[in-house]
């Protein structure tokens, strides 16, 4: 019969078409407890450069003690020794600053909502690698900044990457993921749309 149009789809087919992939809600207050133990050694490259600079400075200092070193040759040797000491000091300070940044960033990251999932997935070393690259980036290393952005994206540290991982910050009355994989009620009060706790927690 004309004018009737196609028959409606079965109810089950409509439900499947409209189905969405479930999101894993994360606690808005973040992960509780102490951070995991730092798993990486000191920066191998920076440590090697510092040690090499210290050895060179020591060698030049000893050369200054030679009794035959006089005049212009001694002045030149003193300049080289001063430059070597300065280089060694700069590398030492760089390594100390990097270690401080790593420690602070490591502690901060393990307080985020995303850290609950890192616990479940055992991503401790992956987070540490991000911290290592991020600390270098904050010291001005542009290549390290690129690596940090890529790793941060894999760890869910941007809104887009959280969406890809199917993670979201929970509403007050939603169950949330826990370090042991259980889901717990986050509360009974529903958040208002303008509640700041309903926004994504992102670490740059």
Protein backbone atom coordinates (compact mmCIF):
# COMPACT_ATOMS: atom_id res chain seq x y z
CA UNK A 1 0.00 0.00 0.00
CA UNK A 2 1.44 3.40 -0.96
CA UNK A 3 2.35 6.15 1.48
CA UNK A 4 2.91 3.99 4.57
CA UNK A 5 6.73 4.18 4.62
CA UNK A 6 9.19 1.57 6.02
CA UNK A 7 8.22 -0.59 8.93
CA UNK A 8 9.67 0.51 12.32
CA UNK A 9 12.74 -1.33 13.54
CA UNK A 10 12.40 -3.73 16.45
CA UNK A 11 12.92 -2.20 19.89
CA UNK A 12 16.08 -4.26 20.51
CA UNK A 13 17.71 -3.00 17.31
CA UNK A 14 17.00 0.61 18.27
CA UNK A 15 18.55 0.10 21.69
CA UNK A 16 21.72 -1.43 20.18
CA UNK A 17 22.05 1.48 17.75
CA UNK A 18 21.78 4.04 20.52
CA UNK A 19 24.05 2.17 22.95
CA UNK A 20 27.20 3.92 24.14
CA UNK A 21 30.41 2.50 25.57
CA UNK A 22 30.39 2.70 29.36
CA UNK A 23 32.72 5.22 31.01
CA UNK A 24 34.79 4.37 34.08
CA UNK A 25 34.07 6.98 36.78
CA UNK A 26 37.07 8.19 38.78
CA UNK A 27 36.88 9.73 42.27
CA UNK A 28 36.89 13.55 42.05
CA UNK A 29 38.92 13.75 45.27
CA UNK A 30 41.74 11.78 43.61
CA UNK A 31 43.77 8.81 44.77
CA UNK A 32 44.39 8.39 48.49
CA UNK A 33 47.53 7.15 50.21
CA UNK A 34 51.26 7.36 49.62
CA UNK A 35 52.68 7.28 46.08
CA UNK A 36 54.49 4.15 44.91
CA UNK A 37 58.24 3.95 45.35
CA UNK A 38 60.12 5.80 42.61
CA UNK A 39 61.19 3.01 40.20
CA UNK A 40 63.86 4.67 38.04
CA UNK A 41 67.56 5.37 38.67
CA UNK A 42 68.98 8.88 38.48
CA UNK A 43 69.17 10.32 34.98
CA UNK A 44 71.97 8.24 33.44
CA UNK A 45 73.01 10.77 30.78
CA UNK A 46 73.07 13.77 33.10
CA UNK A 47 74.85 11.81 35.82
CA UNK A 48 77.54 10.65 33.37
CA UNK A 49 78.09 14.20 32.12
CA UNK A 50 78.43 15.49 35.67
CA UNK A 51 80.90 12.76 36.63
CA UNK A 52 82.97 13.40 33.51
CA UNK A 53 83.06 17.12 34.24
CA UNK A 54 84.16 16.50 37.82
CA UNK A 55 87.00 14.23 36.67
CA UNK A 56 88.18 16.81 34.16
CA UNK A 57 88.12 19.54 36.80
CA UNK A 58 90.17 17.37 39.17
CA UNK A 59 92.74 16.61 36.46
CA UNK A 60 93.16 20.28 35.61
CA UNK A 61 93.49 21.16 39.29
CA UNK A 62 96.33 18.65 39.63
CA UNK A 63 98.02 20.01 36.51
CA UNK A 64 98.21 23.43 38.17
CA UNK A 65 100.50 21.94 40.82
CA UNK A 66 103.24 21.20 38.28
CA UNK A 67 106.33 23.25 39.25
CA UNK A 68 107.29 23.90 35.64
CA UNK A 69 103.93 25.54 34.87
CA UNK A 70 104.60 29.27 34.71
CA UNK A 71 103.71 32.47 32.92
CA UNK A 72 101.09 32.40 30.16
CA UNK A 73 100.84 28.64 30.26
CA UNK A 74 99.83 28.78 33.92
CA UNK A 75 97.27 31.51 33.26
CA UNK A 76 95.76 29.46 30.44
CA UNK A 77 95.69 26.34 32.61
CA UNK A 78 93.94 28.26 35.41
CA UNK A 79 91.27 29.47 32.97
CA UNK A 80 90.65 25.89 31.81
CA UNK A 81 90.41 24.69 35.40
CA UNK A 82 87.93 27.47 36.26
CA UNK A 83 85.79 26.60 33.23
CA UNK A 84 85.83 22.91 34.14
CA UNK A 85 84.80 23.65 37.73
CA UNK A 86 81.94 25.84 36.47
CA UNK A 87 80.75 23.16 34.05
CA UNK A 88 80.80 20.53 36.80
CA UNK A 89 78.89 22.83 39.16
CA UNK A 90 76.21 23.58 36.54
CA UNK A 91 75.67 19.88 35.81
CA UNK A 92 75.50 19.11 39.53
CA UNK A 93 72.84 21.79 40.04
CA UNK A 94 70.91 20.57 37.00
CA UNK A 95 70.82 17.04 38.37
CA UNK A 96 69.73 18.24 41.81
CA UNK A 97 66.98 20.41 40.30
CA UNK A 98 65.75 17.56 38.12
CA UNK A 99 65.57 15.23 41.12
CA UNK A 100 63.58 17.82 43.06
CA UNK A 101 61.13 18.36 40.19
CA UNK A 102 60.73 14.62 39.72
CA UNK A 103 59.93 14.12 43.39
CA UNK A 104 57.35 16.90 43.50
CA UNK A 105 55.67 15.89 40.24
CA UNK A 106 55.64 12.21 41.24
CA UNK A 107 53.82 12.98 44.48
CA UNK A 108 51.34 15.33 42.77
CA UNK A 109 50.46 12.89 39.99
CA UNK A 110 49.64 10.07 42.40
CA UNK A 111 47.00 12.28 44.02
CA UNK A 112 45.00 12.68 40.79
CA UNK A 113 41.82 10.75 39.91
CA UNK A 114 43.68 9.11 37.01
CA UNK A 115 46.13 7.57 39.49
CA UNK A 116 43.39 5.21 40.70
CA UNK A 117 43.45 3.56 37.27
CA UNK A 118 47.24 3.60 37.11
CA UNK A 119 47.21 1.52 40.29
CA UNK A 120 44.85 -1.00 38.76
CA UNK A 121 46.81 -1.17 35.49
CA UNK A 122 50.23 -1.24 37.22
CA UNK A 123 51.47 1.71 35.19
CA UNK A 124 54.04 2.76 37.79
CA UNK A 125 57.02 2.78 35.44
CA UNK A 126 55.01 4.44 32.66
CA UNK A 127 54.13 7.29 35.01
CA UNK A 128 57.78 7.53 36.10
CA UNK A 129 58.90 7.81 32.47
CA UNK A 130 56.44 10.66 31.97
CA UNK A 131 57.83 12.38 35.08
CA UNK A 132 61.39 12.01 33.78
CA UNK A 133 60.56 13.58 30.41
CA UNK A 134 58.37 16.25 31.99
CA UNK A 135 61.14 17.32 34.38
CA UNK A 136 63.55 17.69 31.45
CA UNK A 137 60.92 19.68 29.57
CA UNK A 138 60.53 22.09 32.48
CA UNK A 139 64.28 22.66 32.33
CA UNK A 140 63.88 23.86 28.72
CA UNK A 141 64.42 20.67 26.67
CA UNK A 142 62.03 20.96 23.69
CA UNK A 143 62.51 17.35 22.57
CA UNK A 144 61.67 16.19 26.08
CA UNK A 145 58.52 18.33 25.98
CA UNK A 146 57.34 16.42 22.90
CA UNK A 147 57.96 13.07 24.59
CA UNK A 148 56.17 14.26 27.74
CA UNK A 149 53.10 15.29 25.73
CA UNK A 150 52.91 11.90 24.05
CA UNK A 151 53.26 9.98 27.31
CA UNK A 152 50.80 12.27 29.08
CA UNK A 153 48.29 11.55 26.36
CA UNK A 154 48.63 7.79 26.93
CA UNK A 155 48.19 8.24 30.68
CA UNK A 156 44.92 10.14 30.40
CA UNK A 157 46.30 13.52 31.45
CA UNK A 158 44.26 15.51 28.90
CA UNK A 159 40.48 15.66 28.40
CA UNK A 160 40.73 14.05 24.95
CA UNK A 161 42.90 11.17 26.15
CA UNK A 162 40.54 10.57 29.08
CA UNK A 163 37.71 10.27 26.58
CA UNK A 164 39.67 7.74 24.52
CA UNK A 165 40.41 5.70 27.64
CA UNK A 166 36.71 5.92 28.62
CA UNK A 167 37.53 7.58 31.95
CA UNK A 168 35.58 10.42 33.52
CA UNK A 169 35.49 12.26 36.83
CA UNK A 170 32.51 10.87 38.73
CA UNK A 171 29.43 12.78 39.84
CA UNK A 172 28.78 12.82 43.57
CA UNK A 173 26.32 9.92 43.47
CA UNK A 174 28.18 7.67 41.05
CA UNK A 175 30.23 4.60 41.90
CA UNK A 176 33.94 5.09 41.30
CA UNK A 177 36.92 2.92 40.46
CA UNK A 178 39.19 2.03 43.41
CA UNK A 179 42.81 0.80 43.51
CA UNK A 180 41.55 -2.75 44.12
CA UNK A 181 39.10 -2.67 41.27
CA UNK A 182 35.93 -2.27 43.40
CA UNK A 183 33.35 0.41 42.75
CA UNK A 184 32.30 2.55 45.68
CA UNK A 185 29.56 5.12 46.12
CA UNK A 186 31.01 8.62 46.03
CA UNK A 187 28.07 10.11 47.95
CA UNK A 188 24.35 10.71 47.70
CA UNK A 189 24.22 14.41 46.81
CA UNK A 190 23.98 15.02 43.06
CA UNK A 191 26.34 17.70 41.82
CA UNK A 192 25.06 20.79 40.14
CA UNK A 193 26.25 21.24 36.52
CA UNK A 194 28.39 24.18 37.66
CA UNK A 195 30.02 22.24 40.52
CA UNK A 196 33.82 22.56 39.97
CA UNK A 197 34.31 18.95 41.05
CA UNK A 198 32.46 17.81 37.95
CA UNK A 199 35.24 19.05 35.67
CA UNK A 200 38.18 17.03 34.41
CA UNK A 201 41.28 16.96 36.58
CA UNK A 202 44.17 17.45 34.17
CA UNK A 203 47.91 17.69 34.83
CA UNK A 204 49.82 19.60 32.21
